[in-house]
C-alpha atoms as a PDB file:
ATOM      1  CA  GLU A   1       0.000   0.000   0.000  1.00  0.00           C
ATOM      2  CA  VAL A   2       1.331   3.416  -0.978  1.00  0.00           C
ATOM      3  CA  GLN A   3       1.261   5.656   2.048  1.00  0.00           C
ATOM      4  CA  LEU A   4       2.647   8.927   3.407  1.00  0.00           C
ATOM      5  CA  VAL A   5       2.592   9.618   7.134  1.00  0.00           C
ATOM      6  CA  GLU A   6       3.462  13.037   8.538  1.00  0.00           C
ATOM      7  CA  SER A   7       4.568  13.768  12.077  1.00  0.00           C
ATOM      8  CA  GLY A   8       6.299  16.460  14.074  1.00  0.00           C
ATOM      9  CA  GLY A   9       3.634  19.125  14.262  1.00  0.00           C
ATOM     10  CA  GLY A  10       2.717  20.921  17.442  1.00  0.00           C
ATOM     11  CA  MET A  11       2.349  24.284  19.081  1.00  0.00           C
ATOM     12  CA  VAL A  12       5.267  26.676  19.317  1.00  0.00           C
ATOM     13  CA  GLN A  13       5.779  30.319  20.087  1.00  0.00           C
ATOM     14  CA  PRO A  14       6.736  32.774  17.357  1.00  0.00           C
ATOM     15  CA  GLY A  15      10.413  32.401  16.574  1.00  0.00           C
ATOM     16  CA  GLY A  16      10.381  28.734  17.499  1.00  0.00           C
ATOM     17  CA  SER A  17      11.262  25.709  15.404  1.00  0.00           C
ATOM     18  CA  LEU A  18       9.723  22.427  14.378  1.00  0.00           C
ATOM     19  CA  ASN A  19      10.967  19.581  12.211  1.00  0.00           C
ATOM     20  CA  LEU A  20       8.249  17.798  10.269  1.00  0.00           C
ATOM     21  CA  SER A  21       8.720  14.281   8.949  1.00  0.00           C
ATOM     22  CA  CYS A  22       6.992  12.477   6.106  1.00  0.00           C
ATOM     23  CA  ALA A  23       7.564   8.732   6.059  1.00  0.00           C
ATOM     24  CA  ALA A  24       6.804   7.026   2.768  1.00  0.00           C
ATOM     25  CA  SER A  25       5.903   3.385   2.378  1.00  0.00           C
ATOM     26  CA  GLY A  26       4.977   1.284  -0.609  1.00  0.00           C
ATOM     27  CA  PHE A  27       7.207   3.257  -2.962  1.00  0.00           C
ATOM     28  CA  ARG A  28      10.638   4.838  -3.092  1.00  0.00           C
ATOM     29  CA  PHE A  29       9.924   8.535  -2.872  1.00  0.00           C
ATOM     30  CA  SER A  30      13.362   9.400  -4.193  1.00  0.00           C
ATOM     31  CA  ASN A  31      12.074   8.333  -7.606  1.00  0.00           C
ATOM     32  CA  TYR A  32       9.175  10.772  -7.535  1.00  0.00           C
ATOM     33  CA  ASP A  33       8.446  14.441  -7.082  1.00  0.00           C
ATOM     34  CA  ILE A  34       7.394  15.158  -3.530  1.00  0.00           C
ATOM     35  CA  PHE A  35       5.974  18.275  -1.923  1.00  0.00           C
ATOM     36  CA  TRP A  36       4.906  19.914   1.315  1.00  0.00           C
ATOM     37  CA  VAL A  37       1.524  21.628   1.089  1.00  0.00           C
ATOM     38  CA  ARG A  38      -0.188  23.517   3.882  1.00  0.00           C
ATOM     39  CA  GLN A  39      -3.706  24.666   4.491  1.00  0.00           C
ATOM     40  CA  ALA A  40      -4.609  27.253   7.065  1.00  0.00           C
ATOM     41  CA  PRO A  41      -8.143  27.338   8.483  1.00  0.00           C
ATOM     42  CA  GLY A  42     -10.514  28.934   6.018  1.00  0.00           C
ATOM     43  CA  LYS A  43      -7.862  29.318   3.340  1.00  0.00           C
ATOM     44  CA  GLU A  44      -6.885  27.576   0.139  1.00  0.00           C
ATOM     45  CA  PRO A  45      -4.029  25.055   0.187  1.00  0.00           C
ATOM     46  CA  GLU A  46      -0.657  26.463  -0.760  1.00  0.00           C
ATOM     47  CA  LEU A  47       2.523  24.836  -1.913  1.00  0.00           C
ATOM     48  CA  VAL A  48       5.279  25.310   0.648  1.00  0.00           C
ATOM     49  CA  SER A  49       8.210  23.413  -0.791  1.00  0.00           C
ATOM     50  CA  GLY A  50       9.069  20.551  -3.071  1.00  0.00           C
ATOM     51  CA  ILE A  51      11.696  18.359  -4.649  1.00  0.00           C
ATOM     52  CA  TYR A  52      11.123  17.551  -8.309  1.00  0.00           C
ATOM     53  CA  ASN A  53      12.776  16.815 -11.633  1.00  0.00           C
ATOM     54  CA  GLY A  54      14.268  13.630 -10.266  1.00  0.00           C
ATOM     55  CA  GLY A  55      15.499  15.401  -7.186  1.00  0.00           C
ATOM     56  CA  THR A  56      17.544  17.954  -9.103  1.00  0.00           C
ATOM     57  CA  SER A  57      15.264  20.901  -8.391  1.00  0.00           C
ATOM     58  CA  THR A  58      13.800  22.347  -5.219  1.00  0.00           C
ATOM     59  CA  TYR A  59      11.100  24.906  -4.616  1.00  0.00           C
ATOM     60  CA  TYR A  60      10.292  27.098  -1.625  1.00  0.00           C
ATOM     61  CA  ARG A  61       7.521  29.648  -1.571  1.00  0.00           C
ATOM     62  CA  ASP A  62       8.844  33.146  -1.006  1.00  0.00           C
ATOM     63  CA  SER A  63       7.375  33.510   2.481  1.00  0.00           C
ATOM     64  CA  VAL A  64       9.386  30.551   3.828  1.00  0.00           C
ATOM     65  CA  LYS A  65      12.669  31.049   2.008  1.00  0.00           C
ATOM     66  CA  GLY A  66      15.548  31.316   4.459  1.00  0.00           C
ATOM     67  CA  ARG A  67      13.436  29.840   7.267  1.00  0.00           C
ATOM     68  CA  PHE A  68      12.373  26.403   5.996  1.00  0.00           C
ATOM     69  CA  THR A  69      14.709  23.701   4.748  1.00  0.00           C
ATOM     70  CA  MET A  70      13.686  20.463   3.119  1.00  0.00           C
ATOM     71  CA  SER A  71      15.818  17.349   3.260  1.00  0.00           C
ATOM     72  CA  ARG A  72      15.402  13.656   2.724  1.00  0.00           C
ATOM     73  CA  ASP A  73      16.859  10.460   4.065  1.00  0.00           C
ATOM     74  CA  THR A  74      16.646   7.963   1.241  1.00  0.00           C
ATOM     75  CA  ALA A  75      17.668   5.081   3.490  1.00  0.00           C
ATOM     76  CA  LYS A  76      14.697   5.803   5.753  1.00  0.00           C
ATOM     77  CA  ASN A  77      12.484   6.797   2.805  1.00  0.00           C
ATOM     78  CA  THR A  78      11.609   9.924   4.772  1.00  0.00           C
ATOM     79  CA  LEU A  79      11.272  13.573   3.842  1.00  0.00           C
ATOM     80  CA  TYR A  80      11.832  16.332   6.390  1.00  0.00           C
ATOM     81  CA  LEU A  81      10.874  19.981   6.656  1.00  0.00           C
ATOM     82  CA  GLN A  82      12.935  21.930   9.169  1.00  0.00           C
ATOM     83  CA  MET A  83      11.026  25.077  10.041  1.00  0.00           C
ATOM     84  CA  ASN A  84      12.814  27.853  11.888  1.00  0.00           C
ATOM     85  CA  ASN A  85      11.765  31.314  13.010  1.00  0.00           C
ATOM     86  CA  LEU A  86       8.137  30.305  12.792  1.00  0.00           C
ATOM     87  CA  LYS A  87       5.500  32.976  12.454  1.00  0.00           C
ATOM     88  CA  PRO A  88       1.796  32.962  13.309  1.00  0.00           C
ATOM     89  CA  SER A  89       1.154  33.041   9.551  1.00  0.00           C
ATOM     90  CA  ASP A  90       2.763  29.584   9.318  1.00  0.00           C
ATOM     91  CA  THR A  91      -0.106  28.117  11.324  1.00  0.00           C
ATOM     92  CA  ALA A  92      -1.680  25.415   9.169  1.00  0.00           C
ATOM     93  CA  THR A  93      -2.058  21.717   8.659  1.00  0.00           C
ATOM     94  CA  TYR A  94       0.950  20.525   6.698  1.00  0.00           C
ATOM     95  CA  TYR A  95       0.564  17.720   4.196  1.00  0.00           C
ATOM     96  CA  CYS A  96       3.074  15.627   2.337  1.00  0.00           C
ATOM     97  CA  ASN A  97       2.158  14.892  -1.276  1.00  0.00           C
ATOM     98  CA  SER A  98       3.559  12.746  -4.039  1.00  0.00           C
ATOM     99  CA  GLY A  99       1.475  12.263  -7.162  1.00  0.00           C
ATOM    100  CA  ARG A 100      -1.998  11.244  -6.063  1.00  0.00           C
ATOM    101  CA  THR A 101      -0.856  10.183  -2.611  1.00  0.00           C
ATOM    102  CA  TRP A 102      -1.434  12.472   0.362  1.00  0.00           C
ATOM    103  CA  GLY A 103      -0.660  12.053   4.020  1.00  0.00           C
ATOM    104  CA  GLN A 104      -3.150  12.720   6.765  1.00  0.00           C
ATOM    105  CA  GLY A 105      -1.482  15.990   7.721  1.00  0.00           C
ATOM    106  CA  THR A 106       0.158  17.326  10.852  1.00  0.00           C
ATOM    107  CA  LEU A 107      -1.022  20.501  12.572  1.00  0.00           C
ATOM    108  CA  VAL A 108       1.401  23.345  13.209  1.00  0.00           C
ATOM    109  CA  THR A 109       0.236  26.141  15.479  1.00  0.00           C
ATOM    110  CA  VAL A 110       2.383  29.201  16.043  1.00  0.00           C
ATOM    111  CA  SER A 111       1.041  31.351  18.826  1.00  0.00           C
ATOM    112  CA  SER A 112       2.188  33.266  21.855  1.00  0.00           C
END
């Protein structure tokens, strides 16, 4: 079964950090494009970051550049999103996506 499972969300204060994980099973994600997408309450989903073109290209939306870093551990078949200097505007449920496969999401809340 092809599956993506996110973890690592939680509540942090502004300026804090979180490291999200996305564990893939049923396929080798290194062979596919893979993305982090977030959806804040009452808002449309937005693409946060991604690895594509066979892993040769990366994307970060402008609002997270310099604060978020994506990495992957191919041995563990896991994708990570290190999020630093978090802002209240980063509050959202974060989803991992590859093709038609989506994880269940992990909630990130940034609040003082």
